[in-house]
Amino acid sequence: MPYEELDELPKSVRDNLPKHAQEIYMKAFNNAWDEYADPEERRGDASREETAHKVAWAAVKKVYEKDEESGRWKEK
């Protein structure tokens, strides 16, 4: 279930990440969705969707970090 628009992202992503981080998330998710279509490419028993979400969050965390004081995501 690749995402075509930011409005389709999970509410937890839309409500917490800035727009640029949402764009990173969506692009990484969609790429991982395609890359890990084969269950043999995934670790353990992770589903295709679970793997794609993990990859997407990892991509966001390369560029953004959560501010400890405000709890908001900001660029590194």
N, C-alpha and C. Protein backbone atom coordinates (compact mmCIF):
# COMPACT_ATOMS: atom_id res chain seq x y z
N MET A 1 0.81 -1.19 0.00
CA MET A 1 0.00 0.00 0.00
C MET A 1 0.85 1.25 0.00
N PRO A 2 1.56 1.49 -1.07
CA PRO A 2 2.37 2.71 -1.16
C PRO A 2 1.48 3.95 -1.02
N TYR A 3 2.09 5.01 -0.56
CA TYR A 3 1.37 6.27 -0.37
C TYR A 3 1.58 7.17 -1.57
N GLU A 4 0.51 7.80 -2.04
CA GLU A 4 0.60 8.72 -3.16
C GLU A 4 0.64 10.17 -2.71
N GLU A 5 0.07 10.45 -1.53
CA GLU A 5 0.01 11.82 -1.02
C GLU A 5 0.29 11.82 0.48
N LEU A 6 0.77 12.94 0.98
CA LEU A 6 1.08 13.06 2.40
C LEU A 6 -0.16 12.85 3.26
N ASP A 7 -1.32 13.22 2.75
CA ASP A 7 -2.57 13.07 3.50
C ASP A 7 -2.90 11.61 3.79
N GLU A 8 -2.28 10.70 3.07
CA GLU A 8 -2.54 9.27 3.24
C GLU A 8 -1.66 8.64 4.32
N LEU A 9 -0.63 9.35 4.75
CA LEU A 9 0.28 8.80 5.77
C LEU A 9 -0.47 8.54 7.07
N PRO A 10 0.06 7.65 7.90
CA PRO A 10 -0.59 7.40 9.20
C PRO A 10 -0.70 8.70 10.00
N LYS A 11 -1.76 8.78 10.78
CA LYS A 11 -2.02 9.98 11.58
C LYS A 11 -0.83 10.31 12.49
N SER A 12 -0.19 9.31 13.05
CA SER A 12 0.94 9.55 13.94
C SER A 12 2.10 10.24 13.21
N VAL A 13 2.25 9.97 11.93
CA VAL A 13 3.29 10.61 11.13
C VAL A 13 2.85 12.03 10.78
N ARG A 14 1.64 12.17 10.29
CA ARG A 14 1.13 13.50 9.90
C ARG A 14 1.09 14.47 11.07
N ASP A 15 0.71 13.99 12.25
CA ASP A 15 0.55 14.87 13.40
C ASP A 15 1.86 15.25 14.07
N ASN A 16 2.93 14.51 13.81
CA ASN A 16 4.17 14.73 14.54
C ASN A 16 5.35 15.23 13.71
N LEU A 17 5.38 14.89 12.45
CA LEU A 17 6.53 15.26 11.64
C LEU A 17 6.27 16.50 10.80
N PRO A 18 7.29 17.35 10.64
CA PRO A 18 7.17 18.49 9.73
C PRO A 18 6.98 17.98 8.29
N LYS A 19 6.52 18.83 7.42
CA LYS A 19 6.21 18.43 6.05
C LYS A 19 7.41 17.76 5.37
N HIS A 20 8.58 18.34 5.47
CA HIS A 20 9.75 17.77 4.81
C HIS A 20 10.04 16.36 5.33
N ALA A 21 9.90 16.16 6.62
CA ALA A 21 10.12 14.83 7.20
C ALA A 21 9.05 13.85 6.71
N GLN A 22 7.83 14.32 6.52
CA GLN A 22 6.77 13.48 5.98
C GLN A 22 7.10 13.05 4.55
N GLU A 23 7.69 13.96 3.79
CA GLU A 23 8.09 13.64 2.42
C GLU A 23 9.18 12.56 2.42
N ILE A 24 10.12 12.69 3.34
CA ILE A 24 11.18 11.68 3.47
C ILE A 24 10.55 10.34 3.83
N TYR A 25 9.65 10.36 4.79
CA TYR A 25 8.98 9.15 5.26
C TYR A 25 8.26 8.46 4.10
N MET A 26 7.48 9.23 3.36
CA MET A 26 6.69 8.66 2.27
C MET A 26 7.59 8.04 1.19
N LYS A 27 8.62 8.75 0.82
CA LYS A 27 9.52 8.25 -0.22
C LYS A 27 10.23 6.97 0.25
N ALA A 28 10.72 6.97 1.48
CA ALA A 28 11.41 5.79 2.02
C ALA A 28 10.45 4.60 2.15
N PHE A 29 9.24 4.88 2.62
CA PHE A 29 8.25 3.81 2.76
C PHE A 29 7.96 3.18 1.40
N ASN A 30 7.70 4.01 0.41
CA ASN A 30 7.36 3.51 -0.91
C ASN A 30 8.51 2.70 -1.53
N ASN A 31 9.72 3.18 -1.35
CA ASN A 31 10.88 2.44 -1.86
C ASN A 31 11.03 1.10 -1.16
N ALA A 32 10.88 1.10 0.16
CA ALA A 32 11.00 -0.14 0.94
C ALA A 32 9.87 -1.11 0.59
N TRP A 33 8.69 -0.57 0.33
CA TRP A 33 7.53 -1.41 -0.04
C TRP A 33 7.89 -2.23 -1.28
N ASP A 34 8.54 -1.59 -2.23
CA ASP A 34 8.94 -2.29 -3.46
C ASP A 34 10.12 -3.21 -3.22
N GLU A 35 11.10 -2.72 -2.47
CA GLU A 35 12.34 -3.48 -2.26
C GLU A 35 12.12 -4.76 -1.44
N TYR A 36 11.21 -4.72 -0.49
CA TYR A 36 11.01 -5.87 0.41
C TYR A 36 9.71 -6.63 0.11
N ALA A 37 9.32 -6.65 -1.16
CA ALA A 37 8.12 -7.39 -1.56
C ALA A 37 8.29 -8.89 -1.30
N ASP A 38 9.50 -9.38 -1.49
CA ASP A 38 9.79 -10.80 -1.28
C ASP A 38 10.05 -11.05 0.21
N PRO A 39 9.28 -11.94 0.84
CA PRO A 39 9.47 -12.21 2.28
C PRO A 39 10.88 -12.65 2.64
N GLU A 40 11.60 -13.23 1.71
CA GLU A 40 12.98 -13.67 1.98
C GLU A 40 13.93 -12.49 2.16
N GLU A 41 13.52 -11.32 1.71
CA GLU A 41 14.35 -10.12 1.83
C GLU A 41 14.18 -9.45 3.20
N ARG A 42 13.16 -9.86 3.95
CA ARG A 42 12.87 -9.24 5.24
C ARG A 42 13.48 -10.04 6.38
N ARG A 43 13.67 -9.36 7.50
CA ARG A 43 14.20 -10.02 8.70
C ARG A 43 13.08 -10.66 9.49
N GLY A 44 13.32 -11.84 9.98
CA GLY A 44 12.35 -12.51 10.84
C GLY A 44 11.00 -12.67 10.18
N ASP A 45 9.96 -12.47 10.98
CA ASP A 45 8.59 -12.63 10.50
C ASP A 45 7.93 -11.30 10.18
N ALA A 46 8.72 -10.26 10.02
CA ALA A 46 8.15 -8.93 9.78
C ALA A 46 7.36 -8.90 8.48
N SER A 47 6.22 -8.25 8.52
CA SER A 47 5.40 -8.10 7.32
C SER A 47 6.03 -7.06 6.40
N ARG A 48 5.57 -7.05 5.19
CA ARG A 48 6.05 -6.06 4.22
C ARG A 48 5.78 -4.65 4.72
N GLU A 49 4.58 -4.42 5.26
CA GLU A 49 4.21 -3.10 5.76
C GLU A 49 5.05 -2.70 6.97
N GLU A 50 5.23 -3.63 7.91
CA GLU A 50 6.04 -3.35 9.10
C GLU A 50 7.47 -2.99 8.71
N THR A 51 8.03 -3.73 7.78
CA THR A 51 9.39 -3.46 7.33
C THR A 51 9.48 -2.08 6.68
N ALA A 52 8.51 -1.74 5.84
CA ALA A 52 8.52 -0.45 5.16
C ALA A 52 8.41 0.71 6.16
N HIS A 53 7.60 0.55 7.21
CA HIS A 53 7.49 1.59 8.24
C HIS A 53 8.81 1.74 8.99
N LYS A 54 9.46 0.65 9.30
CA LYS A 54 10.75 0.71 10.00
C LYS A 54 11.80 1.43 9.15
N VAL A 55 11.84 1.12 7.88
CA VAL A 55 12.77 1.78 6.97
C VAL A 55 12.46 3.27 6.89
N ALA A 56 11.18 3.61 6.81
CA ALA A 56 10.78 5.01 6.70
C ALA A 56 11.20 5.81 7.93
N TRP A 57 10.96 5.25 9.13
CA TRP A 57 11.37 5.95 10.35
C TRP A 57 12.89 6.10 10.41
N ALA A 58 13.62 5.08 10.00
CA ALA A 58 15.08 5.17 10.00
C ALA A 58 15.55 6.29 9.06
N ALA A 59 14.90 6.44 7.92
CA ALA A 59 15.26 7.50 6.98
C ALA A 59 14.99 8.87 7.58
N VAL A 60 13.88 9.02 8.26
CA VAL A 60 13.56 10.30 8.91
C VAL A 60 14.60 10.62 9.97
N LYS A 61 14.99 9.62 10.75
CA LYS A 61 15.93 9.83 11.86
C LYS A 61 17.34 10.16 11.39
N LYS A 62 17.64 9.96 10.13
CA LYS A 62 18.94 10.36 9.59
C LYS A 62 19.02 11.87 9.43
N VAL A 63 17.87 12.51 9.24
CA VAL A 63 17.82 13.95 8.97
C VAL A 63 17.20 14.74 10.12
N TYR A 64 16.31 14.10 10.86
CA TYR A 64 15.57 14.77 11.94
C TYR A 64 15.83 14.09 13.28
N GLU A 65 15.65 14.87 14.33
CA GLU A 65 15.71 14.32 15.68
C GLU A 65 14.60 14.95 16.50
N LYS A 66 14.20 14.25 17.54
CA LYS A 66 13.14 14.76 18.40
C LYS A 66 13.77 15.63 19.49
N ASP A 67 13.29 16.86 19.59
CA ASP A 67 13.78 17.78 20.61
C ASP A 67 13.29 17.30 21.97
N GLU A 68 14.21 17.14 22.90
CA GLU A 68 13.86 16.60 24.22
C GLU A 68 12.95 17.54 25.01
N GLU A 69 13.14 18.83 24.85
CA GLU A 69 12.34 19.78 25.62
C GLU A 69 10.92 19.93 25.08
N SER A 70 10.82 20.16 23.78
CA SER A 70 9.50 20.43 23.19
C SER A 70 8.80 19.16 22.71
N GLY A 71 9.57 18.11 22.46
CA GLY A 71 8.98 16.88 21.94
C GLY A 71 8.69 16.94 20.45
N ARG A 72 9.10 18.04 19.81
CA ARG A 72 8.87 18.21 18.37
C ARG A 72 10.08 17.72 17.58
N TRP A 73 9.82 17.29 16.34
CA TRP A 73 10.89 16.85 15.47
C TRP A 73 11.52 18.06 14.80
N LYS A 74 12.87 18.09 14.75
CA LYS A 74 13.59 19.19 14.14
C LYS A 74 14.76 18.63 13.33
N GLU A 75 15.20 19.41 12.35
CA GLU A 75 16.35 18.98 11.54
C GLU A 75 17.59 18.96 12.41
N LYS A 76 18.44 18.01 12.12
CA LYS A 76 19.71 17.89 12.88
C LYS A 76 20.65 19.00 12.48
